[in-house]
Amino acid sequence: MKKQDFIKTVASKSGLSQDAVAKSLTAFIEVVTKSLKKGEEVNITGFGAFKISQRAARNGVNPKTGAKIKIPAMKTPVFRAGKTLKEAVR
């Protein structure tokens, strides 16, 4: 499902306009992004949690050339599904 399909579906189920849903979705994404940048975890009960995971620096190999490369340490966003969402998908 693409973003526009998601917006249409939520709009039809909620009775809101597509414009209102699009603005809400954009605001949700901005809030989650800003919170993760600050290092905060975002928990949505029944849905899941967004958090930042630290990945250590490591050595890698360029598959095309076989050359060894150093992959720097980085922060990566992670989503962990909540119990309700897991059960609904099963």
PDB file of N, CA and C in Angstrom:
ATOM      1  N   MET A   1       0.852  -1.169   0.000  1.00  0.00           N
ATOM      2  CA  MET A   1       0.000   0.000   0.000  1.00  0.00           C
ATOM      3  C   MET A   1       0.899   1.234   0.000  1.00  0.00           C
ATOM      4  N   LYS A   2       0.633   2.135  -0.887  1.00  0.00           N
ATOM      5  CA  LYS A   2       1.395   3.371  -0.977  1.00  0.00           C
ATOM      6  C   LYS A   2       0.750   4.442  -0.105  1.00  0.00           C
ATOM      7  N   LYS A   3       1.478   5.524   0.089  1.00  0.00           N
ATOM      8  CA  LYS A   3       1.016   6.587   0.974  1.00  0.00           C
ATOM      9  C   LYS A   3      -0.353   7.124   0.552  1.00  0.00           C
ATOM     10  N   GLN A   4      -0.542   7.373  -0.740  1.00  0.00           N
ATOM     11  CA  GLN A   4      -1.815   7.928  -1.208  1.00  0.00           C
ATOM     12  C   GLN A   4      -2.965   6.936  -0.998  1.00  0.00           C
ATOM     13  N   ASP A   5      -2.694   5.642  -1.211  1.00  0.00           N
ATOM     14  CA  ASP A   5      -3.711   4.609  -0.960  1.00  0.00           C
ATOM     15  C   ASP A   5      -4.071   4.577   0.531  1.00  0.00           C
ATOM     16  N   PHE A   6      -3.060   4.699   1.366  1.00  0.00           N
ATOM     17  CA  PHE A   6      -3.271   4.719   2.815  1.00  0.00           C
ATOM     18  C   PHE A   6      -4.158   5.900   3.206  1.00  0.00           C
ATOM     19  N   ILE A   7      -3.850   7.072   2.660  1.00  0.00           N
ATOM     20  CA  ILE A   7      -4.626   8.278   2.961  1.00  0.00           C
ATOM     21  C   ILE A   7      -6.082   8.102   2.537  1.00  0.00           C
ATOM     22  N   LYS A   8      -6.317   7.552   1.346  1.00  0.00           N
ATOM     23  CA  LYS A   8      -7.683   7.338   0.858  1.00  0.00           C
ATOM     24  C   LYS A   8      -8.443   6.376   1.763  1.00  0.00           C
ATOM     25  N   THR A   9      -7.787   5.302   2.167  1.00  0.00           N
ATOM     26  CA  THR A   9      -8.430   4.299   3.015  1.00  0.00           C
ATOM     27  C   THR A   9      -8.782   4.867   4.384  1.00  0.00           C
ATOM     28  N   VAL A  10      -7.850   5.572   4.997  1.00  0.00           N
ATOM     29  CA  VAL A  10      -8.110   6.167   6.313  1.00  0.00           C
ATOM     30  C   VAL A  10      -9.219   7.211   6.207  1.00  0.00           C
ATOM     31  N   ALA A  11      -9.210   7.997   5.142  1.00  0.00           N
ATOM     32  CA  ALA A  11     -10.241   9.018   4.953  1.00  0.00           C
ATOM     33  C   ALA A  11     -11.622   8.383   4.835  1.00  0.00           C
ATOM     34  N   SER A  12     -11.723   7.294   4.089  1.00  0.00           N
ATOM     35  CA  SER A  12     -13.030   6.652   3.923  1.00  0.00           C
ATOM     36  C   SER A  12     -13.503   5.986   5.219  1.00  0.00           C
ATOM     37  N   LYS A  13     -12.576   5.412   5.993  1.00  0.00           N
ATOM     38  CA  LYS A  13     -12.963   4.754   7.245  1.00  0.00           C
ATOM     39  C   LYS A  13     -13.287   5.748   8.354  1.00  0.00           C
ATOM     40  N   SER A  14     -12.618   6.909   8.338  1.00  0.00           N
ATOM     41  CA  SER A  14     -12.803   7.862   9.436  1.00  0.00           C
ATOM     42  C   SER A  14     -13.840   8.948   9.136  1.00  0.00           C
ATOM     43  N   GLY A  15     -14.187   9.113   7.877  1.00  0.00           N
ATOM     44  CA  GLY A  15     -15.130  10.165   7.518  1.00  0.00           C
ATOM     45  C   GLY A  15     -14.469  11.524   7.395  1.00  0.00           C
ATOM     46  N   LEU A  16     -13.153  11.566   7.477  1.00  0.00           N
ATOM     47  CA  LEU A  16     -12.414  12.821   7.316  1.00  0.00           C
ATOM     48  C   LEU A  16     -12.063  13.029   5.848  1.00  0.00           C
ATOM     49  N   SER A  17     -11.702  14.247   5.511  1.00  0.00           N
ATOM     50  CA  SER A  17     -11.280  14.514   4.137  1.00  0.00           C
ATOM     51  C   SER A  17      -9.874  13.969   3.927  1.00  0.00           C
ATOM     52  N   GLN A  18      -9.538  13.709   2.677  1.00  0.00           N
ATOM     53  CA  GLN A  18      -8.199  13.218   2.365  1.00  0.00           C
ATOM     54  C   GLN A  18      -7.144  14.255   2.738  1.00  0.00           C
ATOM     55  N   ASP A  19      -7.485  15.536   2.592  1.00  0.00           N
ATOM     56  CA  ASP A  19      -6.555  16.601   2.951  1.00  0.00           C
ATOM     57  C   ASP A  19      -6.257  16.584   4.451  1.00  0.00           C
ATOM     58  N   ALA A  20      -7.287  16.395   5.264  1.00  0.00           N
ATOM     59  CA  ALA A  20      -7.104  16.349   6.719  1.00  0.00           C
ATOM     60  C   ALA A  20      -6.259  15.150   7.125  1.00  0.00           C
ATOM     61  N   VAL A  21      -6.506  14.015   6.499  1.00  0.00           N
ATOM     62  CA  VAL A  21      -5.732  12.802   6.808  1.00  0.00           C
ATOM     63  C   VAL A  21      -4.278  12.994   6.382  1.00  0.00           C
ATOM     64  N   ALA A  22      -4.062  13.583   5.214  1.00  0.00           N
ATOM     65  CA  ALA A  22      -2.702  13.816   4.727  1.00  0.00           C
ATOM     66  C   ALA A  22      -1.929  14.733   5.672  1.00  0.00           C
ATOM     67  N   LYS A  23      -2.595  15.798   6.155  1.00  0.00           N
ATOM     68  CA  LYS A  23      -1.951  16.717   7.100  1.00  0.00           C
ATOM     69  C   LYS A  23      -1.633  16.008   8.410  1.00  0.00           C
ATOM     70  N   SER A  24      -2.552  15.171   8.881  1.00  0.00           N
ATOM     71  CA  SER A  24      -2.327  14.422  10.120  1.00  0.00           C
ATOM     72  C   SER A  24      -1.168  13.447   9.982  1.00  0.00           C
ATOM     73  N   LEU A  25      -1.115  12.761   8.849  1.00  0.00           N
ATOM     74  CA  LEU A  25      -0.037  11.805   8.607  1.00  0.00           C
ATOM     75  C   LEU A  25       1.306  12.520   8.532  1.00  0.00           C
ATOM     76  N   THR A  26       1.341  13.645   7.860  1.00  0.00           N
ATOM     77  CA  THR A  26       2.572  14.429   7.758  1.00  0.00           C
ATOM     78  C   THR A  26       3.017  14.905   9.142  1.00  0.00           C
ATOM     79  N   ALA A  27       2.080  15.363   9.946  1.00  0.00           N
ATOM     80  CA  ALA A  27       2.395  15.806  11.305  1.00  0.00           C
ATOM     81  C   ALA A  27       2.915  14.642  12.148  1.00  0.00           C
ATOM     82  N   PHE A  28       2.297  13.472  12.018  1.00  0.00           N
ATOM     83  CA  PHE A  28       2.732  12.279  12.749  1.00  0.00           C
ATOM     84  C   PHE A  28       4.182  11.946  12.393  1.00  0.00           C
ATOM     85  N   ILE A  29       4.489  11.941  11.108  1.00  0.00           N
ATOM     86  CA  ILE A  29       5.845  11.619  10.650  1.00  0.00           C
ATOM     87  C   ILE A  29       6.850  12.635  11.185  1.00  0.00           C
ATOM     88  N   GLU A  30       6.484  13.924  11.166  1.00  0.00           N
ATOM     89  CA  GLU A  30       7.372  14.974  11.670  1.00  0.00           C
ATOM     90  C   GLU A  30       7.630  14.821  13.159  1.00  0.00           C
ATOM     91  N   VAL A  31       6.593  14.513  13.928  1.00  0.00           N
ATOM     92  CA  VAL A  31       6.740  14.359  15.377  1.00  0.00           C
ATOM     93  C   VAL A  31       7.629  13.159  15.700  1.00  0.00           C
ATOM     94  N   VAL A  32       7.408  12.045  15.027  1.00  0.00           N
ATOM     95  CA  VAL A  32       8.225  10.854  15.266  1.00  0.00           C
ATOM     96  C   VAL A  32       9.675  11.136  14.890  1.00  0.00           C
ATOM     97  N   THR A  33       9.889  11.778  13.749  1.00  0.00           N
ATOM     98  CA  THR A  33      11.248  12.086  13.298  1.00  0.00           C
ATOM     99  C   THR A  33      11.972  12.996  14.284  1.00  0.00           C
ATOM    100  N   LYS A  34      11.319  14.065  14.737  1.00  0.00           N
ATOM    101  CA  LYS A  34      11.942  14.990  15.682  1.00  0.00           C
ATOM    102  C   LYS A  34      12.244  14.304  17.015  1.00  0.00           C
ATOM    103  N   SER A  35      11.333  13.460  17.470  1.00  0.00           N
ATOM    104  CA  SER A  35      11.554  12.741  18.729  1.00  0.00           C
ATOM    105  C   SER A  35      12.739  11.792  18.618  1.00  0.00           C
ATOM    106  N   LEU A  36      12.836  11.086  17.503  1.00  0.00           N
ATOM    107  CA  LEU A  36      13.953  10.165  17.314  1.00  0.00           C
ATOM    108  C   LEU A  36      15.273  10.924  17.202  1.00  0.00           C
ATOM    109  N   LYS A  37      15.261  12.087  16.561  1.00  0.00           N
ATOM    110  CA  LYS A  37      16.479  12.901  16.476  1.00  0.00           C
ATOM    111  C   LYS A  37      16.965  13.319  17.854  1.00  0.00           C
ATOM    112  N   LYS A  38      16.027  13.559  18.776  1.00  0.00           N
ATOM    113  CA  LYS A  38      16.376  13.936  20.150  1.00  0.00           C
ATOM    114  C   LYS A  38      16.830  12.731  20.969  1.00  0.00           C
ATOM    115  N   GLY A  39      16.649  11.528  20.430  1.00  0.00           N
ATOM    116  CA  GLY A  39      17.013  10.320  21.157  1.00  0.00           C
ATOM    117  C   GLY A  39      15.881   9.749  21.984  1.00  0.00           C
ATOM    118  N   GLU A  40      14.679  10.285  21.802  1.00  0.00           N
ATOM    119  CA  GLU A  40      13.520   9.808  22.553  1.00  0.00           C
ATOM    120  C   GLU A  40      12.874   8.618  21.845  1.00  0.00           C
ATOM    121  N   GLU A  41      12.252   7.752  22.619  1.00  0.00           N
ATOM    122  CA  GLU A  41      11.493   6.626  22.073  1.00  0.00           C
ATOM    123  C   GLU A  41      10.033   7.053  21.960  1.00  0.00           C
ATOM    124  N   VAL A  42       9.366   6.638  20.890  1.00  0.00           N
ATOM    125  CA  VAL A  42       7.952   6.960  20.688  1.00  0.00           C
ATOM    126  C   VAL A  42       7.153   5.662  20.815  1.00  0.00           C
ATOM    127  N   ASN A  43       6.329   5.564  21.862  1.00  0.00           N
ATOM    128  CA  ASN A  43       5.514   4.375  22.101  1.00  0.00           C
ATOM    129  C   ASN A  43       4.061   4.671  21.782  1.00  0.00           C
ATOM    130  N   ILE A  44       3.447   3.827  20.969  1.00  0.00           N
ATOM    131  CA  ILE A  44       2.025   3.933  20.672  1.00  0.00           C
ATOM    132  C   ILE A  44       1.403   2.629  21.142  1.00  0.00           C
ATOM    133  N   THR A  45       0.716   2.684  22.267  1.00  0.00           N
ATOM    134  CA  THR A  45       0.163   1.494  22.890  1.00  0.00           C
ATOM    135  C   THR A  45      -0.731   0.736  21.921  1.00  0.00           C
ATOM    136  N   GLY A  46      -0.495  -0.556  21.812  1.00  0.00           N
ATOM    137  CA  GLY A  46      -1.284  -1.409  20.928  1.00  0.00           C
ATOM    138  C   GLY A  46      -0.759  -1.457  19.509  1.00  0.00           C
ATOM    139  N   PHE A  47       0.137  -0.545  19.162  1.00  0.00           N
ATOM    140  CA  PHE A  47       0.680  -0.514  17.805  1.00  0.00           C
ATOM    141  C   PHE A  47       2.154  -0.885  17.801  1.00  0.00           C
ATOM    142  N   GLY A  48       2.974  -0.135  18.535  1.00  0.00           N
ATOM    143  CA  GLY A  48       4.391  -0.441  18.582  1.00  0.00           C
ATOM    144  C   GLY A  48       5.214   0.724  19.073  1.00  0.00           C
ATOM    145  N   ALA A  49       6.523   0.590  18.923  1.00  0.00           N
ATOM    146  CA  ALA A  49       7.448   1.603  19.409  1.00  0.00           C
ATOM    147  C   ALA A  49       8.498   1.907  18.355  1.00  0.00           C
ATOM    148  N   PHE A  50       8.794   3.192  18.214  1.00  0.00           N
ATOM    149  CA  PHE A  50       9.870   3.645  17.356  1.00  0.00           C
ATOM    150  C   PHE A  50      11.021   4.040  18.268  1.00  0.00           C
ATOM    151  N   LYS A  51      12.237   3.614  17.946  1.00  0.00           N
ATOM    152  CA  LYS A  51      13.392   3.994  18.744  1.00  0.00           C
ATOM    153  C   LYS A  51      14.631   4.027  17.860  1.00  0.00           C
ATOM    154  N   ILE A  52      15.728   4.511  18.436  1.00  0.00           N
ATOM    155  CA  ILE A  52      16.996   4.588  17.721  1.00  0.00           C
ATOM    156  C   ILE A  52      17.889   3.465  18.220  1.00  0.00           C
ATOM    157  N   SER A  53      18.538   2.783  17.285  1.00  0.00           N
ATOM    158  CA  SER A  53      19.465   1.719  17.615  1.00  0.00           C
ATOM    159  C   SER A  53      20.865   2.153  17.185  1.00  0.00           C
ATOM    160  N   GLN A  54      21.852   1.941  18.051  1.00  0.00           N
ATOM    161  CA  GLN A  54      23.237   2.249  17.724  1.00  0.00           C
ATOM    162  C   GLN A  54      23.850   1.057  17.013  1.00  0.00           C
ATOM    163  N   ARG A  55      24.435   1.278  15.867  1.00  0.00           N
ATOM    164  CA  ARG A  55      25.150   0.208  15.160  1.00  0.00           C
ATOM    165  C   ARG A  55      26.631   0.497  15.270  1.00  0.00           C
ATOM    166  N   ALA A  56      27.395  -0.477  15.693  1.00  0.00           N
ATOM    167  CA  ALA A  56      28.837  -0.313  15.880  1.00  0.00           C
ATOM    168  C   ALA A  56      29.545  -0.249  14.525  1.00  0.00           C
ATOM    169  N   ALA A  57      30.729   0.356  14.524  1.00  0.00           N
ATOM    170  CA  ALA A  57      31.553   0.375  13.319  1.00  0.00           C
ATOM    171  C   ALA A  57      31.993  -1.065  13.037  1.00  0.00           C
ATOM    172  N   ARG A  58      32.123  -1.369  11.774  1.00  0.00           N
ATOM    173  CA  ARG A  58      32.520  -2.735  11.412  1.00  0.00           C
ATOM    174  C   ARG A  58      33.247  -2.730  10.072  1.00  0.00           C
ATOM    175  N   ASN A  59      33.878  -3.840   9.777  1.00  0.00           N
ATOM    176  CA  ASN A  59      34.556  -4.000   8.495  1.00  0.00           C
ATOM    177  C   ASN A  59      33.610  -4.687   7.528  1.00  0.00           C
ATOM    178  N   GLY A  60      33.679  -4.297   6.274  1.00  0.00           N
ATOM    179  CA  GLY A  60      32.836  -4.888   5.254  1.00  0.00           C
ATOM    180  C   GLY A  60      33.640  -5.136   3.989  1.00  0.00           C
ATOM    181  N   VAL A  61      32.978  -5.691   2.994  1.00  0.00           N
ATOM    182  CA  VAL A  61      33.616  -5.981   1.720  1.00  0.00           C
ATOM    183  C   VAL A  61      32.726  -5.449   0.608  1.00  0.00           C
ATOM    184  N   ASN A  62      33.314  -4.715  -0.316  1.00  0.00           N
ATOM    185  CA  ASN A  62      32.602  -4.256  -1.500  1.00  0.00           C
ATOM    186  C   ASN A  62      32.376  -5.480  -2.384  1.00  0.00           C
ATOM    187  N   PRO A  63      31.119  -5.891  -2.614  1.00  0.00           N
ATOM    188  CA  PRO A  63      30.865  -7.124  -3.365  1.00  0.00           C
ATOM    189  C   PRO A  63      31.312  -7.036  -4.829  1.00  0.00           C
ATOM    190  N   LYS A  64      31.383  -5.847  -5.359  1.00  0.00           N
ATOM    191  CA  LYS A  64      31.773  -5.680  -6.769  1.00  0.00           C
ATOM    192  C   LYS A  64      33.278  -5.843  -6.968  1.00  0.00           C
ATOM    193  N   THR A  65      34.058  -5.220  -6.063  1.00  0.00           N
ATOM    194  CA  THR A  65      35.511  -5.231  -6.224  1.00  0.00           C
ATOM    195  C   THR A  65      36.220  -6.176  -5.259  1.00  0.00           C
ATOM    196  N   GLY A  66      35.556  -6.547  -4.195  1.00  0.00           N
ATOM    197  CA  GLY A  66      36.179  -7.396  -3.184  1.00  0.00           C
ATOM    198  C   GLY A  66      37.061  -6.609  -2.220  1.00  0.00           C
ATOM    199  N   ALA A  67      37.114  -5.291  -2.381  1.00  0.00           N
ATOM    200  CA  ALA A  67      37.946  -4.454  -1.524  1.00  0.00           C
ATOM    201  C   ALA A  67      37.338  -4.357  -0.125  1.00  0.00           C
ATOM    202  N   LYS A  68      38.217  -4.370   0.882  1.00  0.00           N
ATOM    203  CA  LYS A  68      37.760  -4.232   2.257  1.00  0.00           C
ATOM    204  C   LYS A  68      37.482  -2.764   2.524  1.00  0.00           C
ATOM    205  N   ILE A  69      36.359  -2.504   3.231  1.00  0.00           N
ATOM    206  CA  ILE A  69      35.992  -1.133   3.568  1.00  0.00           C
ATOM    207  C   ILE A  69      35.600  -1.067   5.037  1.00  0.00           C
ATOM    208  N   LYS A  70      35.730   0.125   5.620  1.00  0.00           N
ATOM    209  CA  LYS A  70      35.290   0.335   6.995  1.00  0.00           C
ATOM    210  C   LYS A  70      33.919   0.984   6.947  1.00  0.00           C
ATOM    211  N   ILE A  71      32.973   0.391   7.639  1.00  0.00           N
ATOM    212  CA  ILE A  71      31.620   0.936   7.733  1.00  0.00           C
ATOM    213  C   ILE A  71      31.544   1.649   9.077  1.00  0.00           C
ATOM    214  N   PRO A  72      31.275   2.962   9.058  1.00  0.00           N
ATOM    215  CA  PRO A  72      31.289   3.718  10.319  1.00  0.00           C
ATOM    216  C   PRO A  72      30.100   3.382  11.220  1.00  0.00           C
ATOM    217  N   ALA A  73      30.238   3.730  12.497  1.00  0.00           N
ATOM    218  CA  ALA A  73      29.136   3.579  13.450  1.00  0.00           C
ATOM    219  C   ALA A  73      28.022   4.521  13.024  1.00  0.00           C
ATOM    220  N   MET A  74      26.779   4.109  13.279  1.00  0.00           N
ATOM    221  CA  MET A  74      25.651   4.961  12.895  1.00  0.00           C
ATOM    222  C   MET A  74      24.445   4.674  13.766  1.00  0.00           C
ATOM    223  N   LYS A  75      23.525   5.636  13.742  1.00  0.00           N
ATOM    224  CA  LYS A  75      22.243   5.479  14.419  1.00  0.00           C
ATOM    225  C   LYS A  75      21.224   5.081  13.372  1.00  0.00           C
ATOM    226  N   THR A  76      20.363   4.123  13.719  1.00  0.00           N
ATOM    227  CA  THR A  76      19.362   3.627  12.787  1.00  0.00           C
ATOM    228  C   THR A  76      17.996   3.604  13.461  1.00  0.00           C
ATOM    229  N   PRO A  77      16.945   4.110  12.783  1.00  0.00           N
ATOM    230  CA  PRO A  77      15.608   4.009  13.368  1.00  0.00           C
ATOM    231  C   PRO A  77      15.109   2.562  13.320  1.00  0.00           C
ATOM    232  N   VAL A  78      14.426   2.166  14.385  1.00  0.00           N
ATOM    233  CA  VAL A  78      13.913   0.801  14.495  1.00  0.00           C
ATOM    234  C   VAL A  78      12.449   0.867  14.925  1.00  0.00           C
ATOM    235  N   PHE A  79      11.620   0.004  14.343  1.00  0.00           N
ATOM    236  CA  PHE A  79      10.225  -0.122  14.778  1.00  0.00           C
ATOM    237  C   PHE A  79      10.046  -1.500  15.371  1.00  0.00           C
ATOM    238  N   ARG A  80       9.480  -1.540  16.570  1.00  0.00           N
ATOM    239  CA  ARG A  80       9.185  -2.810  17.229  1.00  0.00           C
ATOM    240  C   ARG A  80       7.677  -2.900  17.381  1.00  0.00           C
ATOM    241  N   ALA A  81       7.077  -3.898  16.754  1.00  0.00           N
ATOM    242  CA  ALA A  81       5.621  -4.048  16.775  1.00  0.00           C
ATOM    243  C   ALA A  81       5.136  -4.400  18.173  1.00  0.00           C
ATOM    244  N   GLY A  82       3.984  -3.849  18.546  1.00  0.00           N
ATOM    245  CA  GLY A  82       3.360  -4.133  19.834  1.00  0.00           C
ATOM    246  C   GLY A  82       2.603  -5.448  19.797  1.00  0.00           C
ATOM    247  N   LYS A  83       2.213  -5.912  20.953  1.00  0.00           N
ATOM    248  CA  LYS A  83       1.534  -7.205  21.098  1.00  0.00           C
ATOM    249  C   LYS A  83       0.235  -7.244  20.301  1.00  0.00           C
ATOM    250  N   THR A  84      -0.570  -6.189  20.375  1.00  0.00           N
ATOM    251  CA  THR A  84      -1.862  -6.153  19.670  1.00  0.00           C
ATOM    252  C   THR A  84      -1.662  -6.253  18.167  1.00  0.00           C
ATOM    253  N   LEU A  85      -0.685  -5.530  17.635  1.00  0.00           N
ATOM    254  CA  LEU A  85      -0.416  -5.576  16.195  1.00  0.00           C
ATOM    255  C   LEU A  85       0.097  -6.955  15.784  1.00  0.00           C
ATOM    256  N   LYS A  86       0.981  -7.530  16.570  1.00  0.00           N
ATOM    257  CA  LYS A  86       1.492  -8.871  16.263  1.00  0.00           C
ATOM    258  C   LYS A  86       0.371  -9.896  16.209  1.00  0.00           C
ATOM    259  N   GLU A  87      -0.518  -9.837  17.200  1.00  0.00           N
ATOM    260  CA  GLU A  87      -1.627 -10.799  17.239  1.00  0.00           C
ATOM    261  C   GLU A  87      -2.594 -10.595  16.086  1.00  0.00           C
ATOM    262  N   ALA A  88      -2.824  -9.355  15.684  1.00  0.00           N
ATOM    263  CA  ALA A  88      -3.726  -9.078  14.585  1.00  0.00           C
ATOM    264  C   ALA A  88      -3.190  -9.597  13.248  1.00  0.00           C
ATOM    265  N   VAL A  89      -1.874  -9.569  13.092  1.00  0.00           N
ATOM    266  CA  VAL A  89      -1.264 -10.017  11.843  1.00  0.00           C
ATOM    267  C   VAL A  89      -1.217 -11.539  11.769  1.00  0.00           C
ATOM    268  N   ARG A  90      -1.080 -12.189  12.905  1.00  0.00           N
ATOM    269  CA  ARG A  90      -1.008 -13.648  12.911  1.00  0.00           C
ATOM    270  C   ARG A  90      -2.291 -14.193  12.484  1.00  0.00           C
TER     271      ARG A  90
END
